[in-house]
Full PDB file with SEQRES, HELIX, SHEET, SSBOND, CRYST1, ORIGX, SCALE, CONECT and MASTER records, all heavy atoms in Angstrom:
SEQRES   1 A   33  MET MET ASN LEU ASP PHE GLU ASP THR LEU ALA LYS ALA          
SEQRES   2 A   33  SER THR ARG PRO ALA SER GLN ILE LEU ASP ALA LEU ASP          
SEQRES   3 A   33  LEU HIS TYR ARG LEU HIS TRP                                  
HELIX    1 AA1 PHE A    6  LYS A   12  1                                   7    
HELIX    2 AA2 ALA A   18  HIS A   32  1                                  15    
CRYST1    1.000    1.000    1.000  90.00  90.00  90.00 P 1           1          
ORIGX1      1.000000  0.000000  0.000000        0.00000                         
ORIGX2      0.000000  1.000000  0.000000        0.00000                         
ORIGX3      0.000000  0.000000  1.000000        0.00000                         
SCALE1      1.000000  0.000000  0.000000        0.00000                         
SCALE2      0.000000  1.000000  0.000000        0.00000                         
SCALE3      0.000000  0.000000  1.000000        0.00000                         
ATOM      1  N   MET A   1     118.782  93.738  79.822  1.00  0.00           N  
ATOM      2  CA  MET A   1     117.495  93.251  79.607  1.00  0.00           C  
ATOM      3  C   MET A   1     117.233  91.890  79.045  1.00  0.00           C  
ATOM      4  O   MET A   1     116.369  91.117  79.424  1.00  0.00           O  
ATOM      5  CB  MET A   1     116.777  94.263  78.691  1.00  0.00           C  
ATOM      6  CG  MET A   1     116.693  95.721  79.214  1.00  0.00           C  
ATOM      7  SD  MET A   1     115.763  95.843  80.742  1.00  0.00           S  
ATOM      8  CE  MET A   1     114.185  95.137  80.333  1.00  0.00           C  
ATOM      9  N   MET A   2     118.281  91.494  78.253  1.00  0.00           N  
ATOM     10  CA  MET A   2     118.238  90.063  77.597  1.00  0.00           C  
ATOM     11  C   MET A   2     118.259  89.056  78.663  1.00  0.00           C  
ATOM     12  O   MET A   2     117.612  88.112  78.582  1.00  0.00           O  
ATOM     13  CB  MET A   2     119.315  89.926  76.626  1.00  0.00           C  
ATOM     14  CG  MET A   2     119.492  88.568  75.892  1.00  0.00           C  
ATOM     15  SD  MET A   2     118.079  88.083  74.945  1.00  0.00           S  
ATOM     16  CE  MET A   2     118.397  89.052  73.502  1.00  0.00           C  
ATOM     17  N   ASN A   3     119.059  89.271  79.686  1.00  0.00           N  
ATOM     18  CA  ASN A   3     119.407  88.342  80.829  1.00  0.00           C  
ATOM     19  C   ASN A   3     118.356  88.385  81.904  1.00  0.00           C  
ATOM     20  O   ASN A   3     118.507  87.742  82.999  1.00  0.00           O  
ATOM     21  CB  ASN A   3     120.836  88.448  81.169  1.00  0.00           C  
ATOM     22  CG  ASN A   3     121.838  88.110  80.136  1.00  0.00           C  
ATOM     23  OD1 ASN A   3     121.529  87.209  79.287  1.00  0.00           O  
ATOM     24  ND2 ASN A   3     122.976  88.700  80.135  1.00  0.00           N  
ATOM     25  N   LEU A   4     117.500  89.328  81.909  1.00  0.00           N  
ATOM     26  CA  LEU A   4     116.699  89.605  82.964  1.00  0.00           C  
ATOM     27  C   LEU A   4     115.526  88.736  83.072  1.00  0.00           C  
ATOM     28  O   LEU A   4     114.787  88.408  82.125  1.00  0.00           O  
ATOM     29  CB  LEU A   4     116.167  91.179  82.883  1.00  0.00           C  
ATOM     30  CG  LEU A   4     115.229  91.724  83.961  1.00  0.00           C  
ATOM     31  CD1 LEU A   4     115.615  93.150  84.149  1.00  0.00           C  
ATOM     32  CD2 LEU A   4     113.840  91.579  83.482  1.00  0.00           C  
ATOM     33  N   ASP A   5     115.226  88.013  84.201  1.00  0.00           N  
ATOM     34  CA  ASP A   5     114.049  87.375  84.412  1.00  0.00           C  
ATOM     35  C   ASP A   5     112.972  88.412  84.980  1.00  0.00           C  
ATOM     36  O   ASP A   5     113.116  88.934  86.143  1.00  0.00           O  
ATOM     37  CB  ASP A   5     114.227  86.306  85.540  1.00  0.00           C  
ATOM     38  CG  ASP A   5     113.065  85.500  85.834  1.00  0.00           C  
ATOM     39  OD1 ASP A   5     111.972  86.061  86.131  1.00  0.00           O  
ATOM     40  OD2 ASP A   5     113.111  84.266  85.728  1.00  0.00           O  
ATOM     41  N   PHE A   6     111.911  88.616  84.219  1.00  0.00           N  
ATOM     42  CA  PHE A   6     110.947  89.794  84.421  1.00  0.00           C  
ATOM     43  C   PHE A   6     110.308  89.654  85.851  1.00  0.00           C  
ATOM     44  O   PHE A   6     110.305  90.526  86.563  1.00  0.00           O  
ATOM     45  CB  PHE A   6     109.982  89.937  83.296  1.00  0.00           C  
ATOM     46  CG  PHE A   6     109.095  91.132  83.413  1.00  0.00           C  
ATOM     47  CD1 PHE A   6     109.525  92.356  82.928  1.00  0.00           C  
ATOM     48  CD2 PHE A   6     107.881  91.045  84.083  1.00  0.00           C  
ATOM     49  CE1 PHE A   6     108.559  93.400  82.866  1.00  0.00           C  
ATOM     50  CE2 PHE A   6     107.127  92.206  84.284  1.00  0.00           C  
ATOM     51  CZ  PHE A   6     107.442  93.410  83.632  1.00  0.00           C  
ATOM     52  N   GLU A   7     109.638  88.476  85.981  1.00  0.00           N  
ATOM     53  CA  GLU A   7     108.963  88.218  87.206  1.00  0.00           C  
ATOM     54  C   GLU A   7     109.837  88.299  88.481  1.00  0.00           C  
ATOM     55  O   GLU A   7     109.313  88.900  89.477  1.00  0.00           O  
ATOM     56  CB  GLU A   7     108.152  86.958  87.141  1.00  0.00           C  
ATOM     57  CG  GLU A   7     107.268  86.832  86.059  1.00  0.00           C  
ATOM     58  CD  GLU A   7     106.050  87.971  85.943  1.00  0.00           C  
ATOM     59  OE1 GLU A   7     105.827  88.393  87.078  1.00  0.00           O  
ATOM     60  OE2 GLU A   7     105.669  88.299  84.954  1.00  0.00           O  
ATOM     61  N   ASP A   8     110.925  87.642  88.410  1.00  0.00           N  
ATOM     62  CA  ASP A   8     111.933  87.654  89.582  1.00  0.00           C  
ATOM     63  C   ASP A   8     112.355  89.114  89.902  1.00  0.00           C  
ATOM     64  O   ASP A   8     112.354  89.460  90.952  1.00  0.00           O  
ATOM     65  CB  ASP A   8     113.060  86.703  89.294  1.00  0.00           C  
ATOM     66  CG  ASP A   8     113.981  86.610  90.301  1.00  0.00           C  
ATOM     67  OD1 ASP A   8     113.511  86.170  91.476  1.00  0.00           O  
ATOM     68  OD2 ASP A   8     115.136  87.063  90.290  1.00  0.00           O  
ATOM     69  N   THR A   9     112.770  89.806  88.832  1.00  0.00           N  
ATOM     70  CA  THR A   9     113.209  91.170  88.962  1.00  0.00           C  
ATOM     71  C   THR A   9     112.167  91.926  89.514  1.00  0.00           C  
ATOM     72  O   THR A   9     112.236  92.928  90.481  1.00  0.00           O  
ATOM     73  CB  THR A   9     113.643  91.785  87.575  1.00  0.00           C  
ATOM     74  OG1 THR A   9     114.660  90.933  87.059  1.00  0.00           O  
ATOM     75  CG2 THR A   9     114.162  93.254  87.846  1.00  0.00           C  
ATOM     76  N   LEU A  10     110.893  91.863  89.042  1.00  0.00           N  
ATOM     77  CA  LEU A  10     109.762  92.643  89.601  1.00  0.00           C  
ATOM     78  C   LEU A  10     109.525  92.370  91.101  1.00  0.00           C  
ATOM     79  O   LEU A  10     109.255  93.258  91.836  1.00  0.00           O  
ATOM     80  CB  LEU A  10     108.540  92.389  88.808  1.00  0.00           C  
ATOM     81  CG  LEU A  10     107.225  93.065  89.205  1.00  0.00           C  
ATOM     82  CD1 LEU A  10     107.353  94.576  89.143  1.00  0.00           C  
ATOM     83  CD2 LEU A  10     106.049  92.674  88.337  1.00  0.00           C  
ATOM     84  N   ALA A  11     109.615  91.084  91.567  1.00  0.00           N  
ATOM     85  CA  ALA A  11     109.428  90.838  92.851  1.00  0.00           C  
ATOM     86  C   ALA A  11     110.524  91.510  93.756  1.00  0.00           C  
ATOM     87  O   ALA A  11     110.201  91.748  95.025  1.00  0.00           O  
ATOM     88  CB  ALA A  11     109.466  89.229  92.987  1.00  0.00           C  
ATOM     89  N   LYS A  12     111.741  91.727  93.300  1.00  0.00           N  
ATOM     90  CA  LYS A  12     112.689  92.311  94.151  1.00  0.00           C  
ATOM     91  C   LYS A  12     113.030  93.865  93.875  1.00  0.00           C  
ATOM     92  O   LYS A  12     113.699  94.414  94.564  1.00  0.00           O  
ATOM     93  CB  LYS A  12     114.073  91.550  93.748  1.00  0.00           C  
ATOM     94  CG  LYS A  12     113.870  90.103  94.169  1.00  0.00           C  
ATOM     95  CD  LYS A  12     115.252  89.312  93.663  1.00  0.00           C  
ATOM     96  CE  LYS A  12     115.172  87.871  93.951  1.00  0.00           C  
ATOM     97  NZ  LYS A  12     116.425  87.164  93.376  1.00  0.00           N  
ATOM     98  N   ALA A  13     112.323  94.381  92.845  1.00  0.00           N  
ATOM     99  CA  ALA A  13     112.705  95.648  92.315  1.00  0.00           C  
ATOM    100  C   ALA A  13     112.329  96.724  93.211  1.00  0.00           C  
ATOM    101  O   ALA A  13     111.401  96.698  94.035  1.00  0.00           O  
ATOM    102  CB  ALA A  13     112.014  95.917  91.044  1.00  0.00           C  
ATOM    103  N   SER A  14     113.171  97.748  93.269  1.00  0.00           N  
ATOM    104  CA  SER A  14     112.919  99.175  93.964  1.00  0.00           C  
ATOM    105  C   SER A  14     113.635 100.227  93.109  1.00  0.00           C  
ATOM    106  O   SER A  14     114.406 100.006  92.262  1.00  0.00           O  
ATOM    107  CB  SER A  14     113.477  98.968  95.351  1.00  0.00           C  
ATOM    108  OG  SER A  14     114.926  98.819  95.401  1.00  0.00           O  
ATOM    109  N   THR A  15     113.290 101.464  93.523  1.00  0.00           N  
ATOM    110  CA  THR A  15     113.790 102.637  92.835  1.00  0.00           C  
ATOM    111  C   THR A  15     114.934 103.229  93.734  1.00  0.00           C  
ATOM    112  O   THR A  15     115.029 103.036  94.823  1.00  0.00           O  
ATOM    113  CB  THR A  15     112.818 103.506  92.355  1.00  0.00           C  
ATOM    114  OG1 THR A  15     112.222 104.060  93.576  1.00  0.00           O  
ATOM    115  CG2 THR A  15     111.778 102.916  91.511  1.00  0.00           C  
ATOM    116  N   ARG A  16     115.750 103.926  93.005  1.00  0.00           N  
ATOM    117  CA  ARG A  16     116.744 104.695  93.634  1.00  0.00           C  
ATOM    118  C   ARG A  16     116.059 105.860  94.556  1.00  0.00           C  
ATOM    119  O   ARG A  16     114.863 106.106  94.250  1.00  0.00           O  
ATOM    120  CB  ARG A  16     117.677 105.428  92.697  1.00  0.00           C  
ATOM    121  CG  ARG A  16     118.590 104.487  91.931  1.00  0.00           C  
ATOM    122  CD  ARG A  16     119.575 105.337  91.015  1.00  0.00           C  
ATOM    123  NE  ARG A  16     120.423 104.316  90.465  1.00  0.00           N  
ATOM    124  CZ  ARG A  16     121.509 103.900  91.016  1.00  0.00           C  
ATOM    125  NH1 ARG A  16     122.002 104.448  92.146  1.00  0.00           N  
ATOM    126  NH2 ARG A  16     122.424 103.056  90.443  1.00  0.00           N  
ATOM    127  N   PRO A  17     116.715 106.388  95.556  1.00  0.00           N  
ATOM    128  CA  PRO A  17     116.045 107.528  96.304  1.00  0.00           C  
ATOM    129  C   PRO A  17     115.566 108.741  95.337  1.00  0.00           C  
ATOM    130  O   PRO A  17     116.116 108.993  94.246  1.00  0.00           O  
ATOM    131  CB  PRO A  17     117.191 107.993  97.136  1.00  0.00           C  
ATOM    132  CG  PRO A  17     118.103 106.906  97.217  1.00  0.00           C  
ATOM    133  CD  PRO A  17     118.117 106.123  95.993  1.00  0.00           C  
ATOM    134  N   ALA A  18     114.444 109.251  95.777  1.00  0.00           N  
ATOM    135  CA  ALA A  18     113.857 110.324  94.983  1.00  0.00           C  
ATOM    136  C   ALA A  18     114.895 111.338  94.662  1.00  0.00           C  
ATOM    137  O   ALA A  18     114.815 112.038  93.545  1.00  0.00           O  
ATOM    138  CB  ALA A  18     112.652 110.756  95.655  1.00  0.00           C  
ATOM    139  N   SER A  19     115.664 111.705  95.593  1.00  0.00           N  
ATOM    140  CA  SER A  19     116.585 112.782  95.536  1.00  0.00           C  
ATOM    141  C   SER A  19     117.531 112.482  94.324  1.00  0.00           C  
ATOM    142  O   SER A  19     117.835 113.568  93.587  1.00  0.00           O  
ATOM    143  CB  SER A  19     117.443 113.076  96.760  1.00  0.00           C  
ATOM    144  OG  SER A  19     118.207 111.941  97.146  1.00  0.00           O  
ATOM    145  N   GLN A  20     118.000 111.322  94.130  1.00  0.00           N  
ATOM    146  CA  GLN A  20     118.849 111.030  93.029  1.00  0.00           C  
ATOM    147  C   GLN A  20     118.196 111.317  91.663  1.00  0.00           C  
ATOM    148  O   GLN A  20     118.793 111.871  90.746  1.00  0.00           O  
ATOM    149  CB  GLN A  20     119.546 109.647  93.146  1.00  0.00           C  
ATOM    150  CG  GLN A  20     120.351 109.412  94.347  1.00  0.00           C  
ATOM    151  CD  GLN A  20     120.916 108.104  94.339  1.00  0.00           C  
ATOM    152  OE1 GLN A  20     120.996 107.412  93.414  1.00  0.00           O  
ATOM    153  NE2 GLN A  20     121.412 107.657  95.561  1.00  0.00           N  
ATOM    154  N   ILE A  21     116.980 110.760  91.613  1.00  0.00           N  
ATOM    155  CA  ILE A  21     116.173 110.892  90.406  1.00  0.00           C  
ATOM    156  C   ILE A  21     115.921 112.431  90.057  1.00  0.00           C  
ATOM    157  O   ILE A  21     116.061 112.890  88.890  1.00  0.00           O  
ATOM    158  CB  ILE A  21     114.850 110.090  90.488  1.00  0.00           C  
ATOM    159  CG1 ILE A  21     115.062 108.651  90.786  1.00  0.00           C  
ATOM    160  CG2 ILE A  21     114.030 110.378  89.288  1.00  0.00           C  
ATOM    161  CD1 ILE A  21     113.914 107.802  91.041  1.00  0.00           C  
ATOM    162  N   LEU A  22     115.648 113.142  91.060  1.00  0.00           N  
ATOM    163  CA  LEU A  22     115.296 114.623  90.832  1.00  0.00           C  
ATOM    164  C   LEU A  22     116.627 115.383  90.456  1.00  0.00           C  
ATOM    165  O   LEU A  22     116.508 116.324  89.740  1.00  0.00           O  
ATOM    166  CB  LEU A  22     114.527 115.125  92.089  1.00  0.00           C  
ATOM    167  CG  LEU A  22     113.148 114.556  92.278  1.00  0.00           C  
ATOM    168  CD1 LEU A  22     112.622 115.062  93.608  1.00  0.00           C  
ATOM    169  CD2 LEU A  22     112.274 114.737  91.093  1.00  0.00           C  
ATOM    170  N   ASP A  23     117.728 114.923  91.020  1.00  0.00           N  
ATOM    171  CA  ASP A  23     118.998 115.571  90.683  1.00  0.00           C  
ATOM    172  C   ASP A  23     119.246 115.373  89.145  1.00  0.00           C  
ATOM    173  O   ASP A  23     119.664 116.203  88.452  1.00  0.00           O  
ATOM    174  CB  ASP A  23     120.095 114.981  91.464  1.00  0.00           C  
ATOM    175  CG  ASP A  23     120.158 115.406  92.909  1.00  0.00           C  
ATOM    176  OD1 ASP A  23     119.374 116.376  93.272  1.00  0.00           O  
ATOM    177  OD2 ASP A  23     121.013 114.842  93.684  1.00  0.00           O  
ATOM    178  N   ALA A  24     118.992 114.098  88.733  1.00  0.00           N  
ATOM    179  CA  ALA A  24     119.162 113.785  87.199  1.00  0.00           C  
ATOM    180  C   ALA A  24     118.183 114.592  86.377  1.00  0.00           C  
ATOM    181  O   ALA A  24     118.700 115.181  85.365  1.00  0.00           O  
ATOM    182  CB  ALA A  24     119.014 112.317  87.014  1.00  0.00           C  
ATOM    183  N   LEU A  25     117.057 114.743  86.777  1.00  0.00           N  
ATOM    184  CA  LEU A  25     116.068 115.516  86.088  1.00  0.00           C  
ATOM    185  C   LEU A  25     116.521 117.000  86.030  1.00  0.00           C  
ATOM    186  O   LEU A  25     116.461 117.547  84.923  1.00  0.00           O  
ATOM    187  CB  LEU A  25     114.625 115.423  86.707  1.00  0.00           C  
ATOM    188  CG  LEU A  25     113.588 116.239  86.130  1.00  0.00           C  
ATOM    189  CD1 LEU A  25     113.353 115.986  84.643  1.00  0.00           C  
ATOM    190  CD2 LEU A  25     112.320 116.202  86.891  1.00  0.00           C  
ATOM    191  N   ASP A  26     116.778 117.538  87.129  1.00  0.00           N  
ATOM    192  CA  ASP A  26     117.322 118.966  87.107  1.00  0.00           C  
ATOM    193  C   ASP A  26     118.475 119.183  86.139  1.00  0.00           C  
ATOM    194  O   ASP A  26     118.329 120.185  85.424  1.00  0.00           O  
ATOM    195  CB  ASP A  26     117.661 119.338  88.593  1.00  0.00           C  
ATOM    196  CG  ASP A  26     117.618 120.834  88.779  1.00  0.00           C  
ATOM    197  OD1 ASP A  26     116.501 121.362  88.981  1.00  0.00           O  
ATOM    198  OD2 ASP A  26     118.662 121.479  88.906  1.00  0.00           O  
ATOM    199  N   LEU A  27     119.393 118.314  86.300  1.00  0.00           N  
ATOM    200  CA  LEU A  27     120.652 118.453  85.339  1.00  0.00           C  
ATOM    201  C   LEU A  27     120.121 118.415  83.967  1.00  0.00           C  
ATOM    202  O   LEU A  27     120.531 119.271  83.234  1.00  0.00           O  
ATOM    203  CB  LEU A  27     121.564 117.356  85.675  1.00  0.00           C  
ATOM    204  CG  LEU A  27     122.765 117.220  84.732  1.00  0.00           C  
ATOM    205  CD1 LEU A  27     123.661 118.504  84.810  1.00  0.00           C  
ATOM    206  CD2 LEU A  27     123.535 115.959  85.115  1.00  0.00           C  
ATOM    207  N   HIS A  28     119.416 117.431  83.513  1.00  0.00           N  
ATOM    208  CA  HIS A  28     119.138 117.224  82.041  1.00  0.00           C  
ATOM    209  C   HIS A  28     118.195 118.286  81.520  1.00  0.00           C  
ATOM    210  O   HIS A  28     118.215 118.582  80.353  1.00  0.00           O  
ATOM    211  CB  HIS A  28     118.633 115.802  81.815  1.00  0.00           C  
ATOM    212  CG  HIS A  28     119.604 114.767  82.022  1.00  0.00           C  
ATOM    213  ND1 HIS A  28     120.085 114.230  83.195  1.00  0.00           N  
ATOM    214  CD2 HIS A  28     120.573 114.268  81.131  1.00  0.00           C  
ATOM    215  CE1 HIS A  28     121.033 113.299  83.125  1.00  0.00           C  
ATOM    216  NE2 HIS A  28     121.385 113.297  81.829  1.00  0.00           N  
ATOM    217  N   TYR A  29     117.273 118.768  82.414  1.00  0.00           N  
ATOM    218  CA  TYR A  29     116.449 119.889  82.053  1.00  0.00           C  
ATOM    219  C   TYR A  29     117.303 121.022  81.589  1.00  0.00           C  
ATOM    220  O   TYR A  29     117.203 121.720  80.454  1.00  0.00           O  
ATOM    221  CB  TYR A  29     115.505 120.312  83.152  1.00  0.00           C  
ATOM    222  CG  TYR A  29     115.019 121.655  83.022  1.00  0.00           C  
ATOM    223  CD1 TYR A  29     113.928 121.941  82.035  1.00  0.00           C  
ATOM    224  CD2 TYR A  29     115.451 122.802  83.737  1.00  0.00           C  
ATOM    225  CE1 TYR A  29     113.360 123.290  82.018  1.00  0.00           C  
ATOM    226  CE2 TYR A  29     115.009 124.040  83.571  1.00  0.00           C  
ATOM    227  CZ  TYR A  29     113.815 124.338  82.689  1.00  0.00           C  
ATOM    228  OH  TYR A  29     113.333 125.489  82.622  1.00  0.00           O  
ATOM    229  N   ARG A  30     118.378 121.472  82.459  1.00  0.00           N  
ATOM    230  CA  ARG A  30     119.224 122.548  82.153  1.00  0.00           C  
ATOM    231  C   ARG A  30     120.091 122.254  80.931  1.00  0.00           C  
ATOM    232  O   ARG A  30     120.325 123.239  80.084  1.00  0.00           O  
ATOM    233  CB  ARG A  30     119.962 122.953  83.305  1.00  0.00           C  
ATOM    234  CG  ARG A  30     119.060 123.361  84.580  1.00  0.00           C  
ATOM    235  CD  ARG A  30     119.698 123.705  85.775  1.00  0.00           C  
ATOM    236  NE  ARG A  30     118.635 123.496  86.859  1.00  0.00           N  
ATOM    237  CZ  ARG A  30     117.565 124.350  86.967  1.00  0.00           C  
ATOM    238  NH1 ARG A  30     117.334 125.369  86.277  1.00  0.00           N  
ATOM    239  NH2 ARG A  30     116.622 124.078  87.964  1.00  0.00           N  
ATOM    240  N   LEU A  31     120.514 121.058  80.716  1.00  0.00           N  
ATOM    241  CA  LEU A  31     121.346 120.775  79.651  1.00  0.00           C  
ATOM    242  C   LEU A  31     120.541 120.817  78.283  1.00  0.00           C  
ATOM    243  O   LEU A  31     120.936 121.328  77.295  1.00  0.00           O  
ATOM    244  CB  LEU A  31     121.999 119.316  79.748  1.00  0.00           C  
ATOM    245  CG  LEU A  31     123.016 119.266  80.796  1.00  0.00           C  
ATOM    246  CD1 LEU A  31     123.421 117.757  80.950  1.00  0.00           C  
ATOM    247  CD2 LEU A  31     124.303 120.046  80.489  1.00  0.00           C  
ATOM    248  N   HIS A  32     119.322 120.411  78.444  1.00  0.00           N  
ATOM    249  CA  HIS A  32     118.443 120.421  77.309  1.00  0.00           C  
ATOM    250  C   HIS A  32     118.112 121.848  76.826  1.00  0.00           C  
ATOM    251  O   HIS A  32     117.998 122.302  75.732  1.00  0.00           O  
ATOM    252  CB  HIS A  32     117.139 119.709  77.634  1.00  0.00           C  
ATOM    253  CG  HIS A  32     116.329 119.263  76.396  1.00  0.00           C  
ATOM    254  ND1 HIS A  32     115.162 118.592  76.483  1.00  0.00           N  
ATOM    255  CD2 HIS A  32     116.629 119.403  75.040  1.00  0.00           C  
ATOM    256  CE1 HIS A  32     114.761 118.147  75.218  1.00  0.00           C  
ATOM    257  NE2 HIS A  32     115.583 118.733  74.377  1.00  0.00           N  
ATOM    258  N   TRP A  33     117.997 122.755  77.861  1.00  0.00           N  
ATOM    259  CA  TRP A  33     117.905 124.188  77.579  1.00  0.00           C  
ATOM    260  C   TRP A  33     119.070 124.708  76.683  1.00  0.00           C  
ATOM    261  O   TRP A  33     118.883 125.453  75.684  1.00  0.00           O  
ATOM    262  CB  TRP A  33     117.575 124.937  78.715  1.00  0.00           C  
ATOM    263  CG  TRP A  33     117.364 126.486  78.598  1.00  0.00           C  
ATOM    264  CD1 TRP A  33     116.136 127.110  78.460  1.00  0.00           C  
ATOM    265  CD2 TRP A  33     118.367 127.567  78.258  1.00  0.00           C  
ATOM    266  NE1 TRP A  33     116.353 128.320  78.142  1.00  0.00           N  
ATOM    267  CE2 TRP A  33     117.596 128.710  78.092  1.00  0.00           C  
ATOM    268  CE3 TRP A  33     119.785 127.548  78.284  1.00  0.00           C  
ATOM    269  CZ2 TRP A  33     118.300 129.977  77.867  1.00  0.00           C  
ATOM    270  CZ3 TRP A  33     120.315 128.741  78.168  1.00  0.00           C  
ATOM    271  CH2 TRP A  33     119.619 129.894  77.960  1.00  0.00           C  
TER     272      TRP A  33                                                      
MASTER        0    0    0    2    0    0    0    6  271    1    0    3          
END                                                                             
């Protein structure tokens, strides 16, 4: 974050595939339980 150029990063940014994010959510929900 310290070395990040906010505007430049925003112009190029994208997110990981939804399936990867939902896999992470599913895992951490069950671990939290």
